[in-house]
Amino acid sequence: MKDNLRAHKEKTAIRNSQICGDFLIVEFLIALERLGIFAKISKGETFSAAQLAREHFLNFGLILAVCEFLSEQEVFEKLEEDSFRFSTVDPAIKNFINYFLAYRELYNFLDQIIAGKRTYEEYFLREEVRYKEGRYASSVLPTLLPRFKELGIHSILDVGGNIPLMRALSEEMPSCRYITIEDSPLVADEMREIMDGLFHGGSTTVLRANAAKPGDFAGKIGSVQAIVGITAFHDLCEKNDLASLLAEYKNFFTGSRLFIVEFNIPDWDVLRREPKGVARYIAAISKITHHFKGNTMPQPKEVWLEAIGASGWHLVRAKEMAPNLIIFECE
């Protein structure tokens, strides 16, 4: 009995420490962002607290303590006494951080959003380029790129403007033709800056258009061998309109192969009756962020299979991947 009580207390203490630690991680990352430090150190180069203090006129002891703390939390790696870099143990960590920071203004005013005093689109918008940079669904890239090579794909329409995909293609397939769609002129300009110099021997295009209306831009693009949407299609329309949207893409890009990467998140009311785990955790995060934005929710596998089947696309394969991701390949 005493052993069970002791184990419970230890588990509770660890959990409480994790909650505090997670809170401090977020606060410190926001602070580094505001100080203009995050963009530099996130490139993966080594840095020191002394260097940061000197270049940004900071309190050396305090910034060293922050770096030490973030290394304990495995956000940074400590290489020497005062030498750090972003964690290479989990390369996806920067994607998660960028994803969070894209919404930081929203999180700063959660009380007013919950109270209905402010709304997402009226008062806040995510930093779109940072969001595109931080899409953690990019963990599928090691699976997608070999498949592109296997199929001999050299022209790609990226519906969601996934920056990690763009960077990976520039490294693995530098001579490919890459096109992405962006409705915002400001974001389009930023995307062009990132693209500049990435592809050698190929071509890149950022097309100003609404991805939910392929008929408006298909004629400007011409034929492409592959259409890729990494957690993009569910944001474009309501659940009941998915089949119609996919059918439009099929109609205007008849010879293309379609790759849909989406979260496989079951209905929340069903999911919360299941044992706790990664699926429930990701679903809970997705549910709350999509409520804030007023956007449509990611859909379970069955919804996508039904939409694909009704749209005229033929499902070639559906590959499930952790965490709760699924790749639908269609022709």
C-alpha atoms as a PDB file:
ATOM      1  CA  MET A   1       0.000   0.000   0.000  1.00  0.00           C
ATOM      2  CA  LYS A   2       2.794   2.393   0.999  1.00  0.00           C
ATOM      3  CA  ASP A   3       4.720   1.502  -2.172  1.00  0.00           C
ATOM      4  CA  ASN A   4       1.652   2.318  -4.314  1.00  0.00           C
ATOM      5  CA  LEU A   5       1.177   5.644  -2.519  1.00  0.00           C
ATOM      6  CA  ARG A   6       4.855   6.511  -2.953  1.00  0.00           C
ATOM      7  CA  ALA A   7       4.719   5.637  -6.672  1.00  0.00           C
ATOM      8  CA  HIS A   8       1.587   7.775  -7.095  1.00  0.00           C
ATOM      9  CA  LYS A   9       3.240  10.755  -5.384  1.00  0.00           C
ATOM     10  CA  GLU A  10       6.345  10.389  -7.557  1.00  0.00           C
ATOM     11  CA  LYS A  11       4.209  10.194 -10.703  1.00  0.00           C
ATOM     12  CA  THR A  12       2.248  13.301  -9.627  1.00  0.00           C
ATOM     13  CA  ALA A  13       5.443  15.217  -8.882  1.00  0.00           C
ATOM     14  CA  ILE A  14       6.900  14.345 -12.292  1.00  0.00           C
ATOM     15  CA  ARG A  15       3.674  15.389 -14.013  1.00  0.00           C
ATOM     16  CA  ASN A  16       3.581  18.704 -12.132  1.00  0.00           C
ATOM     17  CA  SER A  17       7.204  19.365 -13.086  1.00  0.00           C
ATOM     18  CA  GLN A  18       6.398  18.615 -16.729  1.00  0.00           C
ATOM     19  CA  ILE A  19       3.510  21.094 -16.714  1.00  0.00           C
ATOM     20  CA  CYS A  20       5.758  23.824 -15.305  1.00  0.00           C
ATOM     21  CA  GLY A  21       8.531  22.882 -17.698  1.00  0.00           C
ATOM     22  CA  ASP A  22       6.255  22.982 -20.741  1.00  0.00           C
ATOM     23  CA  PHE A  23       4.961  26.399 -19.697  1.00  0.00           C
ATOM     24  CA  LEU A  24       8.487  27.779 -19.297  1.00  0.00           C
ATOM     25  CA  ILE A  25       9.590  26.327 -22.643  1.00  0.00           C
ATOM     26  CA  VAL A  26       6.817  28.228 -24.401  1.00  0.00           C
ATOM     27  CA  GLU A  27       7.534  31.458 -22.528  1.00  0.00           C
ATOM     28  CA  PHE A  28      11.278  31.278 -23.212  1.00  0.00           C
ATOM     29  CA  LEU A  29      10.773  30.517 -26.907  1.00  0.00           C
ATOM     30  CA  ILE A  30       8.450  33.512 -27.253  1.00  0.00           C
ATOM     31  CA  ALA A  31      11.057  35.645 -25.467  1.00  0.00           C
ATOM     32  CA  LEU A  32      13.816  34.444 -27.820  1.00  0.00           C
ATOM     33  CA  GLU A  33      11.557  35.195 -30.778  1.00  0.00           C
ATOM     34  CA  ARG A  34      10.878  38.744 -29.578  1.00  0.00           C
ATOM     35  CA  LEU A  35      14.564  39.325 -28.932  1.00  0.00           C
ATOM     36  CA  GLY A  36      15.340  38.381 -32.539  1.00  0.00           C
ATOM     37  CA  ILE A  37      17.338  35.323 -31.484  1.00  0.00           C
ATOM     38  CA  PHE A  38      15.130  32.412 -32.518  1.00  0.00           C
ATOM     39  CA  ALA A  39      15.536  32.807 -36.291  1.00  0.00           C
ATOM     40  CA  LYS A  40      19.322  32.734 -35.988  1.00  0.00           C
ATOM     41  CA  ILE A  41      19.770  29.817 -33.611  1.00  0.00           C
ATOM     42  CA  SER A  42      17.076  27.707 -35.289  1.00  0.00           C
ATOM     43  CA  LYS A  43      19.340  27.294 -38.339  1.00  0.00           C
ATOM     44  CA  GLY A  44      21.216  24.610 -36.428  1.00  0.00           C
ATOM     45  CA  GLU A  45      24.548  26.378 -35.916  1.00  0.00           C
ATOM     46  CA  THR A  46      26.266  26.231 -32.539  1.00  0.00           C
ATOM     47  CA  PHE A  47      25.999  29.279 -30.301  1.00  0.00           C
ATOM     48  CA  SER A  48      26.946  30.362 -26.808  1.00  0.00           C
ATOM     49  CA  ALA A  49      25.165  32.344 -24.136  1.00  0.00           C
ATOM     50  CA  ALA A  50      28.132  34.713 -24.053  1.00  0.00           C
ATOM     51  CA  GLN A  51      27.728  35.356 -27.786  1.00  0.00           C
ATOM     52  CA  LEU A  52      23.983  35.998 -27.432  1.00  0.00           C
ATOM     53  CA  ALA A  53      24.538  38.294 -24.464  1.00  0.00           C
ATOM     54  CA  ARG A  54      27.191  40.269 -26.338  1.00  0.00           C
ATOM     55  CA  GLU A  55      25.300  40.614 -29.617  1.00  0.00           C
ATOM     56  CA  HIS A  56      21.887  41.375 -28.096  1.00  0.00           C
ATOM     57  CA  PHE A  57      22.952  43.246 -24.932  1.00  0.00           C
ATOM     58  CA  LEU A  58      21.505  40.623 -22.580  1.00  0.00           C
ATOM     59  CA  ASN A  59      22.105  39.544 -19.017  1.00  0.00           C
ATOM     60  CA  PHE A  60      24.707  36.796 -19.472  1.00  0.00           C
ATOM     61  CA  GLY A  61      23.818  34.820 -16.341  1.00  0.00           C
ATOM     62  CA  LEU A  62      20.120  34.816 -17.185  1.00  0.00           C
ATOM     63  CA  ILE A  63      20.460  33.852 -20.862  1.00  0.00           C
ATOM     64  CA  LEU A  64      22.903  31.100 -19.854  1.00  0.00           C
ATOM     65  CA  ALA A  65      20.323  29.786 -17.372  1.00  0.00           C
ATOM     66  CA  VAL A  66      17.678  29.820 -20.131  1.00  0.00           C
ATOM     67  CA  CYS A  67      19.964  27.855 -22.475  1.00  0.00           C
ATOM     68  CA  GLU A  68      20.763  25.389 -19.690  1.00  0.00           C
ATOM     69  CA  PHE A  69      17.059  24.916 -18.965  1.00  0.00           C
ATOM     70  CA  LEU A  70      16.158  24.376 -22.635  1.00  0.00           C
ATOM     71  CA  SER A  71      18.964  21.845 -22.947  1.00  0.00           C
ATOM     72  CA  GLU A  72      17.570  19.971 -19.928  1.00  0.00           C
ATOM     73  CA  GLN A  73      14.221  19.929 -21.731  1.00  0.00           C
ATOM     74  CA  GLU A  74      15.963  18.571 -24.886  1.00  0.00           C
ATOM     75  CA  VAL A  75      15.002  21.592 -26.963  1.00  0.00           C
ATOM     76  CA  PHE A  76      18.715  22.477 -27.126  1.00  0.00           C
ATOM     77  CA  GLU A  77      21.748  20.222 -26.970  1.00  0.00           C
ATOM     78  CA  LYS A  78      24.583  21.261 -24.696  1.00  0.00           C
ATOM     79  CA  LEU A  79      27.881  20.543 -26.451  1.00  0.00           C
ATOM     80  CA  GLU A  80      30.357  22.152 -24.049  1.00  0.00           C
ATOM     81  CA  GLU A  81      30.262  24.394 -20.966  1.00  0.00           C
ATOM     82  CA  ASP A  82      28.830  27.306 -22.957  1.00  0.00           C
ATOM     83  CA  SER A  83      28.098  25.818 -26.344  1.00  0.00           C
ATOM     84  CA  PHE A  84      24.589  24.897 -27.519  1.00  0.00           C
ATOM     85  CA  ARG A  85      22.567  24.070 -30.628  1.00  0.00           C
ATOM     86  CA  PHE A  86      19.015  23.106 -31.426  1.00  0.00           C
ATOM     87  CA  SER A  87      18.312  19.457 -30.723  1.00  0.00           C
ATOM     88  CA  THR A  88      19.360  17.083 -33.492  1.00  0.00           C
ATOM     89  CA  VAL A  89      17.941  14.075 -31.617  1.00  0.00           C
ATOM     90  CA  ASP A  90      14.500  15.024 -32.915  1.00  0.00           C
ATOM     91  CA  PRO A  91      14.839  17.075 -36.133  1.00  0.00           C
ATOM     92  CA  ALA A  92      11.073  17.704 -36.127  1.00  0.00           C
ATOM     93  CA  ILE A  93      11.280  19.785 -32.949  1.00  0.00           C
ATOM     94  CA  LYS A  94      11.805  23.026 -34.903  1.00  0.00           C
ATOM     95  CA  ASN A  95       8.689  22.263 -36.921  1.00  0.00           C
ATOM     96  CA  PHE A  96       6.644  21.943 -33.736  1.00  0.00           C
ATOM     97  CA  ILE A  97       8.099  25.185 -32.370  1.00  0.00           C
ATOM     98  CA  ASN A  98       7.447  27.100 -35.588  1.00  0.00           C
ATOM     99  CA  TYR A  99       3.909  25.753 -35.622  1.00  0.00           C
ATOM    100  CA  PHE A 100       3.304  27.072 -32.117  1.00  0.00           C
ATOM    101  CA  LEU A 101       4.967  30.435 -32.718  1.00  0.00           C
ATOM    102  CA  ALA A 102       2.793  30.977 -35.781  1.00  0.00           C
ATOM    103  CA  TYR A 103      -0.161  31.257 -33.392  1.00  0.00           C
ATOM    104  CA  ARG A 104       1.558  33.042 -30.500  1.00  0.00           C
ATOM    105  CA  GLU A 105      -0.534  36.221 -30.731  1.00  0.00           C
ATOM    106  CA  LEU A 106      -3.666  34.147 -30.490  1.00  0.00           C
ATOM    107  CA  TYR A 107      -2.390  32.392 -27.366  1.00  0.00           C
ATOM    108  CA  ASN A 108      -1.440  35.733 -25.793  1.00  0.00           C
ATOM    109  CA  PHE A 109      -5.123  36.720 -25.735  1.00  0.00           C
ATOM    110  CA  LEU A 110      -6.841  33.417 -24.984  1.00  0.00           C
ATOM    111  CA  ASP A 111      -8.952  34.976 -22.239  1.00  0.00           C
ATOM    112  CA  GLN A 112     -10.481  37.513 -24.652  1.00  0.00           C
ATOM    113  CA  ILE A 113     -11.051  34.892 -27.353  1.00  0.00           C
ATOM    114  CA  ILE A 114     -12.750  32.501 -24.937  1.00  0.00           C
ATOM    115  CA  ALA A 115     -14.893  35.381 -23.632  1.00  0.00           C
ATOM    116  CA  GLY A 116     -15.897  36.254 -27.195  1.00  0.00           C
ATOM    117  CA  LYS A 117     -14.398  39.758 -26.998  1.00  0.00           C
ATOM    118  CA  ARG A 118     -12.033  39.117 -29.882  1.00  0.00           C
ATOM    119  CA  THR A 119     -12.189  36.789 -32.863  1.00  0.00           C
ATOM    120  CA  TYR A 120      -9.453  35.062 -34.797  1.00  0.00           C
ATOM    121  CA  GLU A 121      -9.803  36.629 -38.234  1.00  0.00           C
ATOM    122  CA  GLU A 122     -10.733  40.105 -36.973  1.00  0.00           C
ATOM    123  CA  TYR A 123      -7.922  40.531 -34.440  1.00  0.00           C
ATOM    124  CA  PHE A 124      -5.407  37.787 -35.118  1.00  0.00           C
ATOM    125  CA  LEU A 125      -4.011  35.866 -38.035  1.00  0.00           C
ATOM    126  CA  ARG A 126      -1.368  33.195 -37.789  1.00  0.00           C
ATOM    127  CA  GLU A 127       2.017  33.992 -39.273  1.00  0.00           C
ATOM    128  CA  GLU A 128       1.403  32.066 -42.456  1.00  0.00           C
ATOM    129  CA  VAL A 129       5.009  31.606 -43.558  1.00  0.00           C
ATOM    130  CA  ARG A 130       6.055  30.375 -40.117  1.00  0.00           C
ATOM    131  CA  TYR A 131       3.051  28.041 -40.124  1.00  0.00           C
ATOM    132  CA  LYS A 132       4.060  26.654 -43.508  1.00  0.00           C
ATOM    133  CA  GLU A 133       7.625  26.279 -42.224  1.00  0.00           C
ATOM    134  CA  GLY A 134       6.448  24.424 -39.160  1.00  0.00           C
ATOM    135  CA  ARG A 135       3.933  21.917 -40.443  1.00  0.00           C
ATOM    136  CA  TYR A 136       4.842  18.882 -38.399  1.00  0.00           C
ATOM    137  CA  ALA A 137       3.074  16.627 -40.903  1.00  0.00           C
ATOM    138  CA  SER A 138       6.323  17.028 -42.831  1.00  0.00           C
ATOM    139  CA  SER A 139       7.439  13.835 -41.094  1.00  0.00           C
ATOM    140  CA  VAL A 140       5.940  12.103 -44.142  1.00  0.00           C
ATOM    141  CA  LEU A 141       8.593  13.535 -46.475  1.00  0.00           C
ATOM    142  CA  PRO A 142      11.000  10.574 -46.148  1.00  0.00           C
ATOM    143  CA  THR A 143       8.135   8.443 -47.492  1.00  0.00           C
ATOM    144  CA  LEU A 144       6.843  10.836 -50.152  1.00  0.00           C
ATOM    145  CA  LEU A 145      10.118  11.757 -51.859  1.00  0.00           C
ATOM    146  CA  PRO A 146      11.248   8.196 -52.658  1.00  0.00           C
ATOM    147  CA  ARG A 147       7.773   7.566 -54.073  1.00  0.00           C
ATOM    148  CA  PHE A 148       8.075  10.636 -56.331  1.00  0.00           C
ATOM    149  CA  LYS A 149      11.414   9.325 -57.599  1.00  0.00           C
ATOM    150  CA  GLU A 150      10.022   5.836 -58.114  1.00  0.00           C
ATOM    151  CA  LEU A 151       7.202   7.252 -60.256  1.00  0.00           C
ATOM    152  CA  GLY A 152       9.545   9.567 -62.167  1.00  0.00           C
ATOM    153  CA  ILE A 153       7.684  12.696 -61.041  1.00  0.00           C
ATOM    154  CA  HIS A 154       9.337  15.967 -62.067  1.00  0.00           C
ATOM    155  CA  SER A 155       6.495  18.490 -61.813  1.00  0.00           C
ATOM    156  CA  ILE A 156       4.588  19.113 -58.582  1.00  0.00           C
ATOM    157  CA  LEU A 157       1.696  21.353 -57.574  1.00  0.00           C
ATOM    158  CA  ASP A 158       1.875  21.914 -53.813  1.00  0.00           C
ATOM    159  CA  VAL A 159      -1.619  22.930 -52.700  1.00  0.00           C
ATOM    160  CA  GLY A 160      -0.631  23.884 -49.150  1.00  0.00           C
ATOM    161  CA  GLY A 161       2.697  25.606 -49.748  1.00  0.00           C
ATOM    162  CA  ASN A 162       4.639  23.309 -47.427  1.00  0.00           C
ATOM    163  CA  ILE A 163       8.074  24.879 -46.965  1.00  0.00           C
ATOM    164  CA  PRO A 164       9.791  21.718 -45.628  1.00  0.00           C
ATOM    165  CA  LEU A 165       8.530  19.933 -48.767  1.00  0.00           C
ATOM    166  CA  MET A 166       9.949  22.725 -50.909  1.00  0.00           C
ATOM    167  CA  ARG A 167      13.336  22.513 -49.190  1.00  0.00           C
ATOM    168  CA  ALA A 168      13.403  18.715 -49.431  1.00  0.00           C
ATOM    169  CA  LEU A 169      12.572  18.804 -53.138  1.00  0.00           C
ATOM    170  CA  SER A 170      15.319  21.370 -53.769  1.00  0.00           C
ATOM    171  CA  GLU A 171      17.825  18.986 -52.169  1.00  0.00           C
ATOM    172  CA  GLU A 172      16.558  15.660 -53.492  1.00  0.00           C
ATOM    173  CA  MET A 173      15.036  16.710 -56.844  1.00  0.00           C
ATOM    174  CA  PRO A 174      16.643  20.088 -57.711  1.00  0.00           C
ATOM    175  CA  SER A 175      15.643  19.977 -61.381  1.00  0.00           C
ATOM    176  CA  CYS A 176      11.920  19.522 -60.737  1.00  0.00           C
ATOM    177  CA  ARG A 177       9.208  22.020 -61.619  1.00  0.00           C
ATOM    178  CA  TYR A 178       7.612  23.232 -58.369  1.00  0.00           C
ATOM    179  CA  ILE A 179       4.409  25.287 -58.168  1.00  0.00           C
ATOM    180  CA  THR A 180       2.514  26.432 -55.114  1.00  0.00           C
ATOM    181  CA  ILE A 181      -0.638  28.493 -54.615  1.00  0.00           C
ATOM    182  CA  GLU A 182      -1.043  31.409 -52.250  1.00  0.00           C
ATOM    183  CA  ASP A 183      -3.913  33.865 -51.960  1.00  0.00           C
ATOM    184  CA  SER A 184      -2.136  36.511 -49.849  1.00  0.00           C
ATOM    185  CA  PRO A 185       0.199  38.851 -51.787  1.00  0.00           C
ATOM    186  CA  LEU A 186       2.394  39.371 -48.714  1.00  0.00           C
ATOM    187  CA  VAL A 187       2.801  35.652 -48.059  1.00  0.00           C
ATOM    188  CA  ALA A 188       3.385  35.032 -51.776  1.00  0.00           C
ATOM    189  CA  ASP A 189       6.279  37.520 -51.742  1.00  0.00           C
ATOM    190  CA  GLU A 190       7.793  35.864 -48.658  1.00  0.00           C
ATOM    191  CA  MET A 191       7.478  32.450 -50.285  1.00  0.00           C
ATOM    192  CA  ARG A 192       9.297  33.729 -53.374  1.00  0.00           C
ATOM    193  CA  GLU A 193      12.146  34.996 -51.183  1.00  0.00           C
ATOM    194  CA  ILE A 194      12.497  31.563 -49.597  1.00  0.00           C
ATOM    195  CA  MET A 195      12.389  29.849 -53.003  1.00  0.00           C
ATOM    196  CA  ASP A 196      15.043  32.094 -54.480  1.00  0.00           C
ATOM    197  CA  GLY A 197      18.156  30.043 -55.139  1.00  0.00           C
ATOM    198  CA  LEU A 198      16.749  26.745 -53.855  1.00  0.00           C
ATOM    199  CA  PHE A 199      16.159  24.958 -57.148  1.00  0.00           C
ATOM    200  CA  HIS A 200      18.905  24.589 -59.741  1.00  0.00           C
ATOM    201  CA  GLY A 201      17.966  23.507 -63.230  1.00  0.00           C
ATOM    202  CA  GLY A 202      14.286  23.420 -62.382  1.00  0.00           C
ATOM    203  CA  SER A 203      11.658  26.131 -62.029  1.00  0.00           C
ATOM    204  CA  THR A 204       9.533  27.543 -59.234  1.00  0.00           C
ATOM    205  CA  THR A 205       6.260  29.443 -59.300  1.00  0.00           C
ATOM    206  CA  VAL A 206       4.153  31.029 -56.579  1.00  0.00           C
ATOM    207  CA  LEU A 207       0.747  31.568 -58.107  1.00  0.00           C
ATOM    208  CA  ARG A 208      -1.664  34.082 -56.582  1.00  0.00           C
ATOM    209  CA  ALA A 209      -4.911  32.107 -56.396  1.00  0.00           C
ATOM    210  CA  ASN A 210      -7.452  30.477 -54.108  1.00  0.00           C
ATOM    211  CA  ALA A 211      -6.607  26.785 -53.725  1.00  0.00           C
ATOM    212  CA  ALA A 212     -10.298  26.005 -53.192  1.00  0.00           C
ATOM    213  CA  LYS A 213     -11.051  27.096 -56.785  1.00  0.00           C
ATOM    214  CA  PRO A 214      -8.766  25.076 -59.106  1.00  0.00           C
ATOM    215  CA  GLY A 215     -10.730  26.180 -62.156  1.00  0.00           C
ATOM    216  CA  ASP A 216      -9.400  29.714 -61.661  1.00  0.00           C
ATOM    217  CA  PHE A 217      -5.734  28.737 -61.965  1.00  0.00           C
ATOM    218  CA  ALA A 218      -5.484  25.356 -63.732  1.00  0.00           C
ATOM    219  CA  GLY A 219      -5.113  26.994 -67.159  1.00  0.00           C
ATOM    220  CA  LYS A 220      -2.149  29.052 -65.929  1.00  0.00           C
ATOM    221  CA  ILE A 221      -0.346  25.982 -64.630  1.00  0.00           C
ATOM    222  CA  GLY A 222      -0.950  23.440 -67.359  1.00  0.00           C
ATOM    223  CA  SER A 223      -0.281  19.788 -66.659  1.00  0.00           C
ATOM    224  CA  VAL A 224       1.604  18.549 -63.604  1.00  0.00           C
ATOM    225  CA  GLN A 225       2.550  15.005 -62.722  1.00  0.00           C
ATOM    226  CA  ALA A 226       1.647  15.263 -59.042  1.00  0.00           C
ATOM    227  CA  ILE A 227      -0.659  17.306 -56.813  1.00  0.00           C
ATOM    228  CA  VAL A 228       0.342  17.305 -53.148  1.00  0.00           C
ATOM    229  CA  GLY A 229      -1.690  18.573 -50.211  1.00  0.00           C
ATOM    230  CA  ILE A 230      -0.039  18.194 -46.791  1.00  0.00           C
ATOM    231  CA  THR A 231      -2.764  18.828 -44.183  1.00  0.00           C
ATOM    232  CA  ALA A 232      -4.184  21.384 -46.599  1.00  0.00           C
ATOM    233  CA  PHE A 233      -7.389  20.050 -48.131  1.00  0.00           C
ATOM    234  CA  HIS A 234      -9.385  19.863 -44.887  1.00  0.00           C
ATOM    235  CA  ASP A 235      -8.872  23.623 -44.448  1.00  0.00           C
ATOM    236  CA  LEU A 236     -10.332  24.435 -47.866  1.00  0.00           C
ATOM    237  CA  CYS A 237     -13.936  23.361 -47.423  1.00  0.00           C
ATOM    238  CA  GLU A 238     -16.519  21.738 -45.197  1.00  0.00           C
ATOM    239  CA  LYS A 239     -16.611  17.966 -44.754  1.00  0.00           C
ATOM    240  CA  ASN A 240     -19.595  17.537 -47.100  1.00  0.00           C
ATOM    241  CA  ASP A 241     -17.829  19.475 -49.885  1.00  0.00           C
ATOM    242  CA  LEU A 242     -14.585  17.461 -49.920  1.00  0.00           C
ATOM    243  CA  ALA A 243     -15.726  15.136 -52.714  1.00  0.00           C
ATOM    244  CA  SER A 244     -16.740  18.092 -54.918  1.00  0.00           C
ATOM    245  CA  LEU A 245     -13.422  19.855 -54.357  1.00  0.00           C
ATOM    246  CA  LEU A 246     -11.395  16.727 -55.142  1.00  0.00           C
ATOM    247  CA  ALA A 247     -13.558  16.173 -58.230  1.00  0.00           C
ATOM    248  CA  GLU A 248     -12.671  19.668 -59.468  1.00  0.00           C
ATOM    249  CA  TYR A 249      -8.968  18.883 -59.141  1.00  0.00           C
ATOM    250  CA  LYS A 250      -9.560  15.624 -61.010  1.00  0.00           C
ATOM    251  CA  ASN A 251     -11.416  17.471 -63.760  1.00  0.00           C
ATOM    252  CA  PHE A 252      -8.783  20.176 -64.274  1.00  0.00           C
ATOM    253  CA  PHE A 253      -5.685  17.993 -63.750  1.00  0.00           C
ATOM    254  CA  THR A 254      -6.741  14.790 -65.488  1.00  0.00           C
ATOM    255  CA  GLY A 255      -3.295  13.242 -65.926  1.00  0.00           C
ATOM    256  CA  SER A 256      -1.992  14.003 -62.456  1.00  0.00           C
ATOM    257  CA  ARG A 257      -1.453  11.760 -59.474  1.00  0.00           C
ATOM    258  CA  LEU A 258      -2.874  13.073 -56.187  1.00  0.00           C
ATOM    259  CA  PHE A 259      -1.171  12.767 -52.797  1.00  0.00           C
ATOM    260  CA  ILE A 260      -3.321  13.781 -49.835  1.00  0.00           C
ATOM    261  CA  VAL A 261      -1.604  13.838 -46.436  1.00  0.00           C
ATOM    262  CA  GLU A 262      -4.050  14.302 -43.581  1.00  0.00           C
ATOM    263  CA  PHE A 263      -4.498  13.612 -39.906  1.00  0.00           C
ATOM    264  CA  ASN A 264      -6.516  10.469 -39.312  1.00  0.00           C
ATOM    265  CA  ILE A 265      -8.500  11.775 -36.346  1.00  0.00           C
ATOM    266  CA  PRO A 266     -11.666   9.888 -35.427  1.00  0.00           C
ATOM    267  CA  ASP A 267     -14.738  11.672 -34.145  1.00  0.00           C
ATOM    268  CA  TRP A 268     -13.881  13.236 -30.788  1.00  0.00           C
ATOM    269  CA  ASP A 269     -16.883  11.754 -28.983  1.00  0.00           C
ATOM    270  CA  VAL A 270     -15.765   8.308 -30.105  1.00  0.00           C
ATOM    271  CA  LEU A 271     -12.086   8.885 -29.491  1.00  0.00           C
ATOM    272  CA  ARG A 272     -12.403  10.035 -25.889  1.00  0.00           C
ATOM    273  CA  ARG A 273     -13.917   6.657 -24.990  1.00  0.00           C
ATOM    274  CA  GLU A 274     -10.628   5.045 -26.046  1.00  0.00           C
ATOM    275  CA  PRO A 275      -7.597   4.681 -23.727  1.00  0.00           C
ATOM    276  CA  LYS A 276      -5.439   7.769 -23.366  1.00  0.00           C
ATOM    277  CA  GLY A 277      -2.644   8.057 -25.893  1.00  0.00           C
ATOM    278  CA  VAL A 278      -1.142  10.067 -28.738  1.00  0.00           C
ATOM    279  CA  ALA A 279      -4.333   9.939 -30.805  1.00  0.00           C
ATOM    280  CA  ARG A 280      -6.432  11.514 -28.061  1.00  0.00           C
ATOM    281  CA  TYR A 281      -3.763  14.115 -27.305  1.00  0.00           C
ATOM    282  CA  ILE A 282      -3.412  15.244 -30.936  1.00  0.00           C
ATOM    283  CA  ALA A 283      -7.182  15.230 -31.394  1.00  0.00           C
ATOM    284  CA  ALA A 284      -7.635  17.440 -28.330  1.00  0.00           C
ATOM    285  CA  ILE A 285      -5.086  19.965 -29.655  1.00  0.00           C
ATOM    286  CA  SER A 286      -6.636  19.911 -33.116  1.00  0.00           C
ATOM    287  CA  LYS A 287     -10.133  20.391 -31.733  1.00  0.00           C
ATOM    288  CA  ILE A 288      -9.219  23.467 -29.715  1.00  0.00           C
ATOM    289  CA  THR A 289      -7.076  25.200 -32.374  1.00  0.00           C
ATOM    290  CA  HIS A 290      -9.706  24.680 -35.055  1.00  0.00           C
ATOM    291  CA  HIS A 291     -12.369  26.071 -32.720  1.00  0.00           C
ATOM    292  CA  PHE A 292     -10.284  29.207 -32.222  1.00  0.00           C
ATOM    293  CA  LYS A 293      -9.934  29.708 -35.967  1.00  0.00           C
ATOM    294  CA  GLY A 294     -13.451  28.645 -36.845  1.00  0.00           C
ATOM    295  CA  ASN A 295     -11.995  26.317 -39.483  1.00  0.00           C
ATOM    296  CA  THR A 296     -13.176  22.880 -40.503  1.00  0.00           C
ATOM    297  CA  MET A 297     -11.751  19.973 -38.557  1.00  0.00           C
ATOM    298  CA  PRO A 298      -9.450  17.224 -39.838  1.00  0.00           C
ATOM    299  CA  GLN A 299     -11.480  14.142 -40.728  1.00  0.00           C
ATOM    300  CA  PRO A 300     -11.104  10.418 -40.015  1.00  0.00           C
ATOM    301  CA  LYS A 301      -9.860   7.992 -42.641  1.00  0.00           C
ATOM    302  CA  GLU A 302     -13.380   6.817 -43.505  1.00  0.00           C
ATOM    303  CA  VAL A 303     -14.494  10.324 -44.508  1.00  0.00           C
ATOM    304  CA  TRP A 304     -11.525  10.717 -46.848  1.00  0.00           C
ATOM    305  CA  LEU A 305     -12.061   7.296 -48.415  1.00  0.00           C
ATOM    306  CA  GLU A 306     -15.685   8.162 -49.083  1.00  0.00           C
ATOM    307  CA  ALA A 307     -14.783  11.577 -50.552  1.00  0.00           C
ATOM    308  CA  ILE A 308     -12.063  10.102 -52.771  1.00  0.00           C
ATOM    309  CA  GLY A 309     -14.394   7.347 -53.978  1.00  0.00           C
ATOM    310  CA  ALA A 310     -17.107   9.863 -54.885  1.00  0.00           C
ATOM    311  CA  SER A 311     -14.754  12.300 -56.609  1.00  0.00           C
ATOM    312  CA  GLY A 312     -13.586  10.216 -59.565  1.00  0.00           C
ATOM    313  CA  TRP A 313     -10.097   9.570 -58.213  1.00  0.00           C
ATOM    314  CA  HIS A 314      -8.929   5.950 -57.922  1.00  0.00           C
ATOM    315  CA  LEU A 315      -7.212   5.121 -54.626  1.00  0.00           C
ATOM    316  CA  VAL A 316      -3.861   3.465 -55.280  1.00  0.00           C
ATOM    317  CA  ARG A 317      -2.807   3.091 -51.676  1.00  0.00           C
ATOM    318  CA  ALA A 318      -3.425   4.480 -48.197  1.00  0.00           C
ATOM    319  CA  LYS A 319      -0.404   4.416 -45.915  1.00  0.00           C
ATOM    320  CA  GLU A 320      -0.906   5.111 -42.212  1.00  0.00           C
ATOM    321  CA  MET A 321       1.959   6.727 -40.336  1.00  0.00           C
ATOM    322  CA  ALA A 322       2.664   8.005 -36.840  1.00  0.00           C
ATOM    323  CA  PRO A 323       1.530  10.287 -35.353  1.00  0.00           C
ATOM    324  CA  ASN A 324      -2.004   9.793 -36.680  1.00  0.00           C
ATOM    325  CA  LEU A 325      -1.102  10.658 -40.262  1.00  0.00           C
ATOM    326  CA  ILE A 326      -2.229   8.975 -43.432  1.00  0.00           C
ATOM    327  CA  ILE A 327      -1.057   9.335 -47.054  1.00  0.00           C
ATOM    328  CA  PHE A 328      -3.693   8.774 -49.717  1.00  0.00           C
ATOM    329  CA  GLU A 329      -2.187   8.204 -53.161  1.00  0.00           C
ATOM    330  CA  CYS A 330      -4.704   8.473 -55.998  1.00  0.00           C
ATOM    331  CA  GLU A 331      -4.723   8.440 -59.783  1.00  0.00           C
END
